[in-house]
Amino acid sequence: MSDRPTSGDDALYSRIGIDGQSHALMLEQAARIAQLGYFVFNVRQSIVEVCSVRHAAIFGQTPQEFIASVSGLEGEMEMIHPEDRNLLREAYQRLLQGETIEMEYRFFRPDRSLGYIREIVAPEVSATGEIVRGLGSSLDVTDARRAEERRAQANRLAALGELTAGVAHDVNNILAVVMGNAELLQQEAGGELTDQLLTEIVTASKRGGTLTRSLLNFAQKATIRPVALDLGEETARAVAMFERTSLKKPTMIVDRAPAAIPIFADRDNLQSVILNILINALDAIREGGTIRVRAETAAASPMVAIGEYACLSIRDDGQGIAAQNLARVTEPFFTTKPRSKGSGLGLSMAAGFMRQLGGEIAIESEPDVGTCVRLFFPLHRGKCTAAAPAPAGDSTKFDKLHLLLLEDEASIRNVLLRNLRSWGFTVTATANAEEALLAIDGATFDLALLDNHVPGAVTGAEIAAQIKARHPATPTILLTGLAKPGTGGEGSGIDLVLAKPVPAPELRAAITTLLETATSARRRTVNPEV
């Protein structure tokens, strides 16, 4: 069948110097420029009589293949998405009543990829007044719809992130009260059963803190402390821990570049992200399955800005992820596993963590073939940092030291007061920004422990900056349930950020380290040779 339209106006075009063939070529060229397809549908026989190259190409076919594959409105309509088949049937019923129809529907290409098409079809009326054909134009809108879906997904996740962050912040404050009071009771309690019960309360509070940090990672509002790391070295450490702790022993293939791959990331969060992805892969594979891990540099990422990137890919040959679930796997609490095997936070935490670093996560999967998760990190041109041991608790006393405490939650403030005073501090406790500002106007402090989100027009971080402006040597700690990376650092007024809930031993160790650093700095200022 001809792919070129015919026209009853050929004689007219001939008189003005344009023959029918030229008219057809011009029409084809105009349609190509506009990226429009066109077709003629015989409504009596339910067949396609004419199909342009562009229209067929939208469906991934040649015109001949498309004409042969159209089964009519009463047939199976296998190319059309099942949910959209009735839409076509109803639209063509309106066409038979003389109405020009406009519709958009989904279809499947021969490779079963999903596309979107918009069509406008006008009725052709015979001399007897009967509708005999539909003359249609078509436009491939797949890319536009995919972009809209991505924007909608991004907006939905952003809104979900704000809600998640708010909930996590409030839960962190509750956990801080529970953990703090349990720790205080541990100091006073006697008896094996009481000690055991209090230990379980503290342990549960720590687990709750881990959960909320995962939520804050998803919302890109977690407290992170990025340092220069070697992606290959950190991957090897995570894989080694994974292999030591896994009951099921998959075949592990680790490809690591011989040279260092420098990135800038929070070590603890990076280890957690890698382990979560490895655990997902382990759950997906069958007995004797394979997990391949590869750390390398990549010229560019298909999902983030142009530049040089480090790429960590974790590929498994497991059961894969169904197409309808792939777009949702980074949502918090979405999981295809039984609830006993996962919370649905692993990939959401990974996605938020990567976006905080200026990178991205890309996930490809095919059912019964496997899944590949790629993490793209901006390359960092700096010296990598060796892993540091966790700070240990100590029994240092802080007698004669004056501390400013800012915390609006009375229950948290009381817990902190009891601990700080028991460690020897003299504490000036304030409940809002105005009280804290009055305190720093009238006194000098050896240390400031500040909640960031407090009543008043000024944040804890801004109060820290004012303290530094008056007394640059005063150490400041921001204690918060919600903080973004970059809160601390040179010029910010903050020496350390701690995320709630903070166990008392960790808080005490952090204070000790900070005060020792400040003391050493003052000694060097007085005696540069020290």
Protein backbone atom coordinates (compact mmCIF):
# COMPACT_ATOMS: atom_id res chain seq x y z
CA MET A 1 0.00 0.00 0.00
CA SER A 2 1.27 3.48 -0.85
CA ASP A 3 2.74 5.51 2.00
CA ARG A 4 1.98 8.72 0.09
CA PRO A 5 -1.38 10.51 0.26
CA THR A 6 -3.38 11.21 -2.85
CA SER A 7 -5.24 14.43 -3.52
CA GLY A 8 -8.19 15.46 -5.63
CA ASP A 9 -6.51 18.83 -6.13
CA ASP A 10 -3.74 17.52 -8.41
CA ALA A 11 -5.15 19.43 -11.42
CA LEU A 12 -5.08 22.68 -9.45
CA TYR A 13 -1.47 22.11 -8.38
CA SER A 14 -0.59 21.23 -11.98
CA ARG A 15 -1.97 24.57 -13.21
CA ILE A 16 0.27 26.49 -10.79
CA GLY A 17 3.31 24.38 -11.57
CA ILE A 18 3.20 21.87 -8.72
CA ASP A 19 2.28 18.30 -9.62
CA GLY A 20 0.69 15.76 -7.31
CA GLN A 21 3.99 14.04 -6.58
CA SER A 22 5.59 17.30 -5.49
CA HIS A 23 2.56 18.01 -3.31
CA ALA A 24 2.96 14.65 -1.63
CA LEU A 25 6.68 15.17 -1.10
CA MET A 26 6.09 18.61 0.38
CA LEU A 27 3.44 17.19 2.73
CA GLU A 28 5.81 14.41 3.79
CA GLN A 29 8.62 16.92 4.40
CA ALA A 30 6.35 19.22 6.44
CA ALA A 31 5.20 16.29 8.55
CA ARG A 32 8.81 15.21 9.08
CA ILE A 33 9.82 18.71 10.20
CA ALA A 34 6.91 18.84 12.63
CA GLN A 35 7.68 15.24 13.69
CA LEU A 36 4.09 14.35 12.88
CA GLY A 37 2.86 11.03 11.63
CA TYR A 38 -0.31 10.55 9.62
CA PHE A 39 -2.61 7.67 8.75
CA VAL A 40 -5.95 6.83 7.16
CA PHE A 41 -8.22 4.39 8.99
CA ASN A 42 -11.06 2.68 7.10
CA VAL A 43 -13.85 2.56 9.67
CA ARG A 44 -15.98 0.15 7.59
CA GLN A 45 -13.31 -2.54 7.42
CA SER A 46 -11.39 -1.54 10.60
CA ILE A 47 -8.10 -1.48 8.73
CA VAL A 48 -5.37 1.08 8.16
CA GLU A 49 -5.21 2.06 4.49
CA VAL A 50 -2.35 4.58 4.65
CA CYS A 51 0.42 4.87 7.23
CA SER A 52 3.33 7.32 7.09
CA VAL A 53 6.87 6.30 7.94
CA ARG A 54 6.86 8.59 10.97
CA HIS A 55 3.59 7.21 12.37
CA ALA A 56 4.84 3.63 12.10
CA ALA A 57 8.23 4.57 13.57
CA ILE A 58 6.55 5.88 16.72
CA PHE A 59 5.42 2.28 17.30
CA GLY A 60 8.85 0.91 16.40
CA GLN A 61 7.63 -0.56 13.10
CA THR A 62 7.67 -0.05 9.34
CA PRO A 63 4.46 1.16 7.66
CA GLN A 64 3.87 -2.34 6.28
CA GLU A 65 4.37 -3.92 9.72
CA PHE A 66 2.04 -1.42 11.35
CA ILE A 67 -0.74 -1.93 8.78
CA ALA A 68 -0.44 -5.71 9.19
CA SER A 69 -0.47 -5.56 12.99
CA VAL A 70 -3.56 -3.38 13.48
CA SER A 71 -6.35 -5.75 14.48
CA GLY A 72 -9.24 -3.29 14.42
CA LEU A 73 -11.26 -1.82 17.23
CA GLU A 74 -12.97 -5.10 18.05
CA GLY A 75 -9.79 -7.16 18.07
CA GLU A 76 -7.18 -7.82 20.77
CA MET A 77 -5.42 -4.46 20.30
CA GLU A 78 -2.26 -6.05 21.67
CA MET A 79 -0.13 -2.97 20.93
CA ILE A 80 -2.32 -0.76 23.13
CA HIS A 81 -1.95 -0.62 26.91
CA PRO A 82 -4.83 -2.65 28.41
CA GLU A 83 -6.06 0.32 30.45
CA ASP A 84 -6.32 2.51 27.33
CA ARG A 85 -8.08 0.15 24.90
CA ASN A 86 -11.58 1.23 25.87
CA LEU A 87 -10.50 4.86 25.50
CA LEU A 88 -9.75 4.19 21.82
CA ARG A 89 -12.97 2.32 21.27
CA GLU A 90 -15.06 5.08 22.82
CA ALA A 91 -13.20 7.78 20.86
CA TYR A 92 -13.81 6.04 17.53
CA GLN A 93 -17.49 5.69 18.38
CA ARG A 94 -17.57 9.51 18.57
CA LEU A 95 -15.74 9.63 15.22
CA LEU A 96 -18.53 7.55 13.68
CA GLN A 97 -20.96 10.21 14.86
CA GLY A 98 -19.06 12.87 12.90
CA GLU A 99 -16.90 14.24 15.73
CA THR A 100 -13.19 15.05 15.36
CA ILE A 101 -11.48 13.18 18.15
CA GLU A 102 -8.30 13.96 20.07
CA MET A 103 -6.78 11.42 22.42
CA GLU A 104 -3.58 10.34 24.09
CA TYR A 105 -2.84 6.76 24.96
CA ARG A 106 -0.08 4.33 25.87
CA PHE A 107 1.25 1.58 23.62
CA PHE A 108 3.88 -1.16 23.55
CA ARG A 109 6.68 -1.31 21.01
CA PRO A 110 7.94 -4.69 19.76
CA ASP A 111 10.60 -4.68 22.53
CA ARG A 112 7.73 -4.17 25.05
CA SER A 113 8.94 -0.70 25.98
CA LEU A 114 6.09 1.68 26.78
CA GLY A 115 5.39 4.76 24.70
CA TYR A 116 2.88 7.62 24.66
CA ILE A 117 1.17 8.97 21.54
CA ARG A 118 -1.26 11.81 20.87
CA GLU A 119 -3.62 11.51 17.89
CA ILE A 120 -6.15 13.82 16.23
CA VAL A 121 -8.53 12.07 13.84
CA ALA A 122 -11.08 13.84 11.64
CA PRO A 123 -14.00 12.03 9.94
CA GLU A 124 -14.20 11.73 6.14
CA VAL A 125 -17.80 11.77 4.90
CA SER A 126 -18.91 10.01 1.68
CA ALA A 127 -21.31 11.48 -0.87
CA THR A 128 -24.14 9.65 0.90
CA GLY A 129 -23.28 11.31 4.24
CA GLU A 130 -21.75 8.20 5.77
CA ILE A 131 -18.51 8.27 7.79
CA VAL A 132 -16.11 6.10 5.80
CA ARG A 133 -12.64 6.99 7.05
CA GLY A 134 -10.71 8.67 9.79
CA LEU A 135 -7.89 10.95 8.67
CA GLY A 136 -5.39 11.10 11.53
CA SER A 137 -2.22 12.85 12.61
CA SER A 138 0.03 11.58 15.39
CA LEU A 139 2.78 12.90 17.65
CA ASP A 140 5.16 10.91 19.85
CA VAL A 141 4.89 12.46 23.34
CA THR A 142 6.84 9.75 25.19
CA ASP A 143 9.75 12.00 26.18
CA ALA A 144 7.42 14.77 27.37
CA ARG A 145 5.36 12.37 29.48
CA ARG A 146 8.47 10.77 30.94
CA ALA A 147 9.77 14.24 31.89
CA GLU A 148 6.42 15.09 33.49
CA GLU A 149 6.49 11.82 35.43
CA ARG A 150 10.02 12.57 36.66
CA ARG A 151 9.01 16.07 37.74
CA ALA A 152 5.91 14.76 39.48
CA GLN A 153 7.98 12.07 41.18
CA ALA A 154 10.56 14.64 42.26
CA ASN A 155 7.86 16.95 43.64
CA ARG A 156 6.17 14.08 45.43
CA LEU A 157 9.44 12.93 46.96
CA ALA A 158 10.32 16.50 47.97
CA ALA A 159 6.99 16.87 49.76
CA LEU A 160 7.42 13.46 51.32
CA GLY A 161 10.93 14.44 52.35
CA GLU A 162 9.72 17.55 54.16
CA LEU A 163 7.10 15.53 56.01
CA THR A 164 9.62 12.81 56.80
CA ALA A 165 12.17 15.30 58.10
CA GLY A 166 9.63 16.94 60.38
CA VAL A 167 8.53 13.61 61.82
CA ALA A 168 12.13 12.47 62.27
CA HIS A 169 13.02 15.70 64.09
CA ASP A 170 10.18 15.27 66.58
CA VAL A 171 10.89 11.57 67.09
CA ASN A 172 14.57 12.36 67.72
CA ASN A 173 13.57 14.72 70.53
CA ILE A 174 11.37 12.02 72.07
CA LEU A 175 14.17 9.46 71.80
CA ALA A 176 16.61 11.90 73.40
CA VAL A 177 14.34 12.11 76.47
CA VAL A 178 13.86 8.33 76.67
CA MET A 179 17.56 7.54 76.21
CA GLY A 180 18.76 10.31 78.51
CA ASN A 181 16.53 9.35 81.41
CA ALA A 182 17.31 5.66 81.00
CA GLU A 183 21.04 6.44 81.10
CA LEU A 184 20.57 8.51 84.26
CA LEU A 185 18.65 5.66 85.89
CA GLN A 186 21.44 3.24 84.95
CA GLN A 187 23.80 5.31 87.10
CA GLU A 188 21.49 5.00 90.13
CA ALA A 189 19.84 1.62 89.65
CA GLY A 190 20.78 -1.57 91.38
CA GLY A 191 19.86 -5.13 90.56
CA GLU A 192 20.50 -7.28 87.51
CA LEU A 193 16.92 -7.13 86.16
CA THR A 194 16.71 -3.34 86.41
CA ASP A 195 20.07 -2.95 84.65
CA GLN A 196 18.92 -5.31 81.89
CA LEU A 197 15.64 -3.45 81.34
CA LEU A 198 17.35 -0.07 81.24
CA THR A 199 19.96 -1.39 78.82
CA GLU A 200 17.18 -2.57 76.52
CA ILE A 201 15.57 0.89 76.65
CA VAL A 202 18.86 2.57 75.70
CA THR A 203 19.49 0.02 72.93
CA ALA A 204 15.97 0.53 71.51
CA SER A 205 16.48 4.30 71.59
CA LYS A 206 19.71 3.94 69.62
CA ARG A 207 17.91 1.79 67.05
CA GLY A 208 15.22 4.45 66.81
CA GLY A 209 17.94 7.04 66.22
CA THR A 210 19.35 4.93 63.40
CA LEU A 211 15.88 4.74 61.86
CA THR A 212 15.32 8.50 61.98
CA ARG A 213 18.77 9.14 60.51
CA SER A 214 17.74 6.95 57.58
CA LEU A 215 14.62 9.08 57.16
CA LEU A 216 16.67 12.27 57.33
CA ASN A 217 19.07 10.86 54.73
CA PHE A 218 16.12 10.36 52.41
CA ALA A 219 15.01 13.95 53.05
CA GLN A 220 18.60 15.15 52.41
CA LYS A 221 18.62 16.81 55.83
CA ALA A 222 20.76 14.42 57.81
CA THR A 223 23.83 15.52 59.72
CA ILE A 224 26.80 14.27 57.71
CA ARG A 225 30.52 14.84 58.18
CA PRO A 226 32.14 14.35 54.77
CA VAL A 227 35.89 13.73 54.46
CA ALA A 228 38.16 12.75 51.58
CA LEU A 229 37.99 8.97 51.07
CA ASP A 230 39.21 6.33 48.62
CA LEU A 231 36.09 4.73 47.12
CA GLY A 232 37.99 1.52 46.35
CA GLU A 233 39.27 1.19 49.93
CA GLU A 234 35.87 1.96 51.48
CA THR A 235 34.20 -0.55 49.16
CA ALA A 236 36.71 -3.23 50.12
CA ARG A 237 36.05 -2.58 53.83
CA ALA A 238 32.28 -2.83 53.33
CA VAL A 239 32.56 -6.02 51.25
CA ALA A 240 34.83 -7.60 53.87
CA MET A 241 32.32 -6.83 56.64
CA PHE A 242 29.48 -8.14 54.46
CA GLU A 243 31.28 -11.43 53.78
CA ARG A 244 32.09 -11.91 57.48
CA THR A 245 28.49 -11.42 58.62
CA SER A 246 26.48 -13.06 55.79
CA LEU A 247 25.06 -16.50 56.52
CA LYS A 248 24.37 -17.13 52.84
CA LYS A 249 27.65 -17.16 50.91
CA PRO A 250 27.26 -15.83 47.36
CA THR A 251 29.99 -15.77 44.74
CA MET A 252 31.60 -12.35 45.20
CA ILE A 253 33.51 -10.71 42.34
CA VAL A 254 35.18 -7.43 43.29
CA ASP A 255 36.81 -5.28 40.60
CA ARG A 256 38.87 -2.46 42.04
CA ALA A 257 41.00 0.08 40.20
CA PRO A 258 44.69 -0.09 41.22
CA ALA A 259 44.84 3.66 41.86
CA ALA A 260 42.92 5.51 44.55
CA ILE A 261 39.47 6.84 43.59
CA PRO A 262 39.09 10.00 45.68
CA ILE A 263 35.59 11.05 46.76
CA PHE A 264 34.22 13.33 49.49
CA ALA A 265 31.69 11.55 51.71
CA ASP A 266 30.64 10.70 55.24
CA ARG A 267 32.40 7.40 56.04
CA ASP A 268 29.74 5.89 58.33
CA ASN A 269 26.90 6.71 55.93
CA LEU A 270 28.87 5.44 52.94
CA GLN A 271 29.54 2.11 54.66
CA SER A 272 25.87 1.82 55.60
CA VAL A 273 24.74 2.56 52.02
CA ILE A 274 27.09 -0.05 50.49
CA LEU A 275 26.08 -2.69 53.05
CA ASN A 276 22.37 -2.03 52.47
CA ILE A 277 22.74 -2.49 48.72
CA LEU A 278 24.79 -5.67 49.21
CA ILE A 279 22.14 -7.07 51.56
CA ASN A 280 19.43 -6.30 48.98
CA ALA A 281 21.47 -8.15 46.37
CA LEU A 282 21.93 -11.10 48.73
CA ASP A 283 18.18 -11.30 49.35
CA ALA A 284 17.51 -11.25 45.58
CA ILE A 285 19.89 -13.99 44.41
CA ARG A 286 19.29 -17.70 44.42
CA GLU A 287 21.60 -20.26 46.03
CA GLY A 288 24.94 -20.06 44.23
CA GLY A 289 24.15 -16.62 42.83
CA THR A 290 26.74 -13.97 42.04
CA ILE A 291 27.26 -10.40 43.22
CA ARG A 292 29.73 -8.30 41.24
CA VAL A 293 31.10 -5.10 42.78
CA ARG A 294 33.08 -2.61 40.71
CA ALA A 295 34.65 0.71 41.73
CA GLU A 296 35.96 2.87 38.89
CA THR A 297 36.13 6.38 37.51
CA ALA A 298 33.48 7.39 34.99
CA ALA A 299 33.74 10.16 32.42
CA ALA A 300 30.19 11.24 33.18
CA SER A 301 26.97 10.17 34.79
CA PRO A 302 23.80 10.02 32.69
CA MET A 303 21.79 11.49 35.57
CA VAL A 304 23.84 14.35 37.00
CA ALA A 305 25.77 17.36 35.77
CA ILE A 306 28.62 17.00 33.31
CA GLY A 307 31.94 16.26 34.97
CA GLU A 308 34.20 13.49 36.21
CA TYR A 309 32.66 10.96 38.55
CA ALA A 310 33.57 7.93 40.56
CA CYS A 311 31.17 5.05 40.04
CA LEU A 312 30.43 2.14 42.35
CA SER A 313 28.27 -0.52 40.73
CA ILE A 314 26.76 -3.50 42.54
CA ARG A 315 25.23 -6.06 40.19
CA ASP A 316 23.41 -9.29 41.05
CA ASP A 317 21.90 -12.08 38.96
CA GLY A 318 18.83 -12.39 41.16
CA GLN A 319 15.10 -12.19 40.64
CA GLY A 320 15.11 -8.53 39.56
CA ILE A 321 12.50 -5.83 40.13
CA ALA A 322 9.20 -5.59 38.27
CA ALA A 323 8.89 -2.54 36.02
CA GLN A 324 5.94 -1.13 37.96
CA ASN A 325 8.01 -1.16 41.17
CA LEU A 326 11.29 0.18 39.81
CA ALA A 327 10.25 3.85 40.04
CA ARG A 328 9.25 3.44 43.69
CA VAL A 329 12.16 1.54 45.18
CA THR A 330 13.79 4.71 46.56
CA GLU A 331 10.65 5.77 48.42
CA PRO A 332 10.86 5.32 52.21
CA PHE A 333 9.10 2.20 53.52
CA PHE A 334 8.42 0.86 50.01
CA THR A 335 9.67 -2.70 49.81
CA THR A 336 8.83 -5.89 47.95
CA LYS A 337 10.34 -7.98 50.75
CA PRO A 338 8.34 -9.40 53.66
CA ARG A 339 8.28 -6.88 56.52
CA SER A 340 10.30 -9.30 58.61
CA LYS A 341 13.19 -8.96 56.14
CA GLY A 342 13.31 -5.21 55.54
CA SER A 343 11.94 -1.79 56.45
CA GLY A 344 12.11 -0.32 52.94
CA LEU A 345 14.57 2.38 54.04
CA GLY A 346 17.84 1.11 52.55
CA LEU A 347 17.52 2.50 49.03
CA SER A 348 15.69 5.66 50.13
CA MET A 349 18.57 6.40 52.51
CA ALA A 350 21.07 5.72 49.71
CA ALA A 351 19.24 8.03 47.29
CA GLY A 352 19.09 10.91 49.76
CA PHE A 353 22.71 10.42 50.80
CA MET A 354 23.93 10.50 47.19
CA ARG A 355 21.97 13.66 46.38
CA GLN A 356 23.46 15.36 49.45
CA LEU A 357 26.92 14.67 48.05
CA GLY A 358 26.02 16.09 44.63
CA GLY A 359 25.87 12.64 43.08
CA GLU A 360 23.08 10.27 42.13
CA ILE A 361 21.89 6.69 42.28
CA ALA A 362 20.83 4.81 39.13
CA ILE A 363 19.01 1.48 39.27
CA GLU A 364 18.50 -0.89 36.35
CA SER A 365 16.65 -4.17 36.69
CA GLU A 366 15.02 -6.90 34.67
CA PRO A 367 12.86 -9.63 36.20
CA ASP A 368 14.62 -13.01 36.39
CA VAL A 369 17.84 -11.45 35.06
CA GLY A 370 19.07 -9.26 37.91
CA THR A 371 19.61 -5.75 39.20
CA CYS A 372 22.44 -3.24 38.92
CA VAL A 373 22.71 -0.32 41.34
CA ARG A 374 25.18 2.41 40.39
CA LEU A 375 26.35 5.17 42.74
CA PHE A 376 27.88 8.23 41.05
CA PHE A 377 30.16 10.38 43.25
CA PRO A 378 31.83 13.64 42.16
CA LEU A 379 35.57 13.03 42.06
CA HIS A 380 37.50 14.81 44.82
CA ARG A 381 41.07 15.97 44.14
CA GLY A 382 42.36 15.74 47.70
CA LYS A 383 44.24 13.48 50.05
CA CYS A 384 42.19 10.54 51.33
CA THR A 385 41.58 10.14 55.06
CA ALA A 386 42.33 6.95 56.96
CA ALA A 387 39.61 5.50 59.15
CA ALA A 388 39.74 6.94 62.67
CA PRO A 389 38.83 4.99 65.81
CA ALA A 390 35.56 5.87 67.48
CA PRO A 391 35.96 8.19 70.49
CA ALA A 392 35.91 6.36 73.80
CA GLY A 393 34.16 7.52 76.94
CA ASP A 394 36.25 8.98 79.78
CA SER A 395 35.97 10.15 83.34
CA THR A 396 37.29 13.69 82.83
CA LYS A 397 35.79 16.21 85.24
CA PHE A 398 34.93 19.70 84.08
CA ASP A 399 35.04 21.55 87.39
CA LYS A 400 35.09 25.36 87.25
CA LEU A 401 34.04 25.37 83.58
CA HIS A 402 31.01 27.49 82.65
CA LEU A 403 28.72 26.10 79.93
CA LEU A 404 25.84 27.77 78.06
CA LEU A 405 22.99 25.38 77.31
CA LEU A 406 20.22 26.28 74.85
CA GLU A 407 17.38 23.75 74.54
CA ASP A 408 13.68 24.60 74.26
CA GLU A 409 12.35 21.11 75.11
CA ALA A 410 12.12 21.09 78.94
CA SER A 411 12.45 17.30 79.21
CA ILE A 412 15.62 17.23 77.07
CA ARG A 413 17.00 20.28 78.88
CA ASN A 414 16.54 18.56 82.26
CA VAL A 415 18.35 15.42 81.08
CA LEU A 416 21.26 17.47 79.76
CA LEU A 417 21.40 19.56 82.93
CA ARG A 418 21.67 16.49 85.15
CA ASN A 419 24.46 15.00 83.03
CA LEU A 420 26.42 18.24 82.58
CA ARG A 421 26.27 19.13 86.27
CA SER A 422 27.27 15.60 87.28
CA TRP A 423 30.35 16.01 85.06
CA GLY A 424 31.31 19.18 86.96
CA PHE A 425 30.04 21.97 84.69
CA THR A 426 28.43 25.14 85.97
CA VAL A 427 25.50 25.48 83.56
CA THR A 428 23.47 28.49 82.46
CA ALA A 429 20.35 26.91 80.94
CA THR A 430 18.21 28.85 78.42
CA ALA A 431 14.99 27.87 76.69
CA ASN A 432 14.85 30.26 73.71
CA ALA A 433 16.99 32.47 71.53
CA GLU A 434 16.28 35.66 73.50
CA GLU A 435 17.43 34.12 76.80
CA ALA A 436 20.59 32.81 75.16
CA LEU A 437 21.41 36.21 73.65
CA LEU A 438 20.97 37.88 77.05
CA ALA A 439 23.26 35.26 78.59
CA ILE A 440 26.13 35.83 76.14
CA ASP A 441 25.82 39.59 76.63
CA GLY A 442 26.39 39.25 80.36
CA ALA A 443 28.90 36.40 80.74
CA THR A 444 31.83 34.52 79.21
CA PHE A 445 31.49 30.78 78.65
CA ASP A 446 34.01 27.98 78.30
CA LEU A 447 31.67 26.00 76.04
CA ALA A 448 28.28 26.43 74.34
CA LEU A 449 25.88 23.52 73.71
CA LEU A 450 23.09 24.80 71.46
CA ASP A 451 19.94 23.35 69.94
CA ASN A 452 19.50 24.75 66.45
CA HIS A 453 15.71 24.92 66.14
CA VAL A 454 14.43 26.97 69.08
CA PRO A 455 11.69 29.60 69.59
CA GLY A 456 12.69 33.06 68.45
CA ALA A 457 13.96 34.73 65.30
CA VAL A 458 17.54 33.47 65.74
CA THR A 459 18.76 29.88 65.30
CA GLY A 460 21.32 28.10 67.44
CA ALA A 461 23.80 28.32 64.56
CA GLU A 462 23.39 32.11 64.46
CA ILE A 463 23.90 32.34 68.23
CA ALA A 464 27.08 30.28 67.83
CA ALA A 465 28.32 32.84 65.27
CA GLN A 466 27.64 35.67 67.73
CA ILE A 467 29.55 33.82 70.47
CA LYS A 468 32.52 33.39 68.13
CA ALA A 469 32.37 37.08 67.21
CA ARG A 470 32.76 38.00 70.90
CA HIS A 471 35.04 35.16 72.01
CA PRO A 472 36.60 33.29 69.05
CA ALA A 473 38.22 30.65 71.27
CA THR A 474 34.93 29.45 72.83
CA PRO A 475 34.07 25.96 71.51
CA THR A 476 30.49 25.55 70.22
CA ILE A 477 28.46 22.39 69.70
CA LEU A 478 25.23 22.31 67.70
CA LEU A 479 22.96 19.61 69.10
CA THR A 480 20.12 19.00 66.67
CA GLY A 481 17.63 16.49 65.38
CA LEU A 482 17.70 18.06 61.93
CA ALA A 483 20.76 19.54 60.26
CA LYS A 484 22.12 19.75 56.77
CA PRO A 485 25.74 19.15 55.81
CA GLY A 486 27.84 22.28 55.81
CA THR A 487 26.35 23.54 59.07
CA GLY A 488 29.76 23.38 60.69
CA GLY A 489 33.15 24.32 59.41
CA GLU A 490 35.42 27.31 59.21
CA GLY A 491 33.58 30.61 59.46
CA SER A 492 30.28 29.07 60.54
CA GLY A 493 30.71 29.59 64.29
CA ILE A 494 30.16 25.88 64.95
CA ASP A 495 32.95 23.51 65.91
CA LEU A 496 30.90 20.31 66.05
CA VAL A 497 27.44 19.08 65.04
CA LEU A 498 25.88 16.17 66.96
CA ALA A 499 22.65 14.55 65.86
CA LYS A 500 20.02 13.69 68.46
CA PRO A 501 19.63 11.41 70.27
CA VAL A 502 23.24 11.51 71.52
CA PRO A 503 24.25 8.86 74.08
CA ALA A 504 25.76 10.48 77.18
CA PRO A 505 29.18 8.76 76.75
CA GLU A 506 29.40 10.03 73.16
CA LEU A 507 28.48 13.57 74.21
CA ARG A 508 31.02 13.52 77.03
CA ALA A 509 33.77 12.19 74.74
CA ALA A 510 32.98 14.87 72.14
CA ILE A 511 33.11 17.63 74.76
CA THR A 512 36.43 16.31 76.08
CA THR A 513 37.99 16.24 72.60
CA LEU A 514 36.71 19.71 71.75
CA LEU A 515 37.96 21.29 75.00
CA GLU A 516 41.36 19.60 74.66
CA THR A 517 41.67 20.94 71.11
CA ALA A 518 40.71 24.45 72.27
CA THR A 519 43.24 24.27 75.15
CA SER A 520 46.02 23.16 72.80
CA ALA A 521 45.19 25.99 70.40
CA ARG A 522 45.37 28.57 73.21
CA ARG A 523 48.75 27.19 74.31
CA ARG A 524 50.13 27.48 70.78
CA THR A 525 48.87 31.08 70.61
CA VAL A 526 50.65 31.97 73.88
CA ASN A 527 53.78 29.92 73.09
CA PRO A 528 54.13 29.20 69.34
CA GLU A 529 56.99 26.75 69.99
CA VAL A 530 54.72 24.37 71.96
